[in-house]
Amino acid sequence: MTAKPNNASSVGRTGRPLYRIIFWLCGLMTAALIVWGGTYLHRRDARLQQARTDAEARVRQANRDMEASLNRLVPVNIQISEDLTSGKLPANRDAVEARLRAVKKNVPEIFGVGVAYVPYGFRDDLRLYAPLFVDSGEGAHLVQIEDKYDYTDQDRPWYQLPLKRGPIWQEPHYGIASQSFLANFTTPFFTTDATTGEKRPNGVVFTSMSIDQFDRLIHSLRLYETGYGFLVSGKGAFVAHPNGEWVKENHTIQQWADESGDAALKELAAGTVVGKRGFVSHQDAATGKHQWVFTEPIVSTGWSLGMVFDKENIAGWKALEQERQALQITALVTGLGWITAFVLFGQNRRQRRREENQTAAPTQEVAAAS
């Protein structure tokens, strides 16, 4: 008598083939995964949308706060210009310096304030006159710019540009007279020609904020635990950034985007320098973290405020990430279950064929003998 093969390895205790039990369990797990995954994606997308909406609202509020801070320099500057033009503030050394000293004392947002007359515009016997009051650590300190260099040279945009363009926020630069990195708001003032009655530029009024002041403003706008802000000029140069070397080296948002190799970030940078609002989700090349980058134009200055948020610090994001990992592990186990079930199914089929062949062989021998 031929011994019946042992099929216990592929049959459960109920006598049902084991692969059928695994198929049944995997089917239930797959259905559960579909439902679970769908609800997870819905909750994740809703959380991301809410977080993005909140972030955009905070960026816009931060932008308004930044614009308000910057604009405190503007009316002070323009008022000095108007008073010089009208003669209310006469071309008198004591009067001019007293006015500048008072402004520096009364407007703490200002790092420096000064005027620079065109050649012989202050006095017929004095070619240049440009008093500047800056922070010295112990109050306002008077610096005579004309003693430092000839500010009428063509490579002095802080003086040349407002004479050509009118009131303007300028690119950040290192101020030789103040020995600090600065950003200036500059306005021309005028005198009336006694013969023709025409107005002609007689000089420039400038109010300055130091890069340290911009940094303090930016740091006060931080969102979430590791979010940070930055400020870029109209040409894309960083005016304020956590990496201070970028500011000193006139590093630009375009260079940052090029270094990242991220096409979306390059597009955002290109839009930022032409005053467009921007948003991009990207992965930081240095840290590997997934981030959101927002930019918002500051209309009055031609600059843009930028904010960067690490997505992992969004409220509820860590719990969602843990759930995603649990989903992945469950999907992996389910996948292995399906593979195991198909392997057992194949083994069961081969075993049944061997049994059928062994049963058919004696029958064929009997038929042949008869």
Foldseek 3Di string as FASTA:
>chain_A
DDDDDDPVVQADPVRHGVLVVLVVVLVVLVVVLVVLVVVLVVVVVVLVVVLVVVVVVLQVVLLVVVLVLVCVVVVLFVVVQVCDQVCVQPLDVVSQVVSQQVCCVPNVQFQKKKKWWQQCLSHVVGGIFMWMWGDDVVGTDIFTVVVVDDCPDPPNCLWPVCLPPAWAWDQWDQDPRHRFTKIKTKGWHWYADPPPRDIHTTIMIITIGGLVSVQVSFVVSADFDPKGKWKAALQFFTSYDPPVVSNHVSPGQCNVCVVQVDPQSNVQRVQQSVQDWDWDWDAGPPPRFIKIKTWHGSVVHSMIMMMIDGPCRRVPNVVSVVVVVVSVVSVVVSVVSNVVSVVSVVVVVVSVVVVVVVVVVVVVVVVVVD
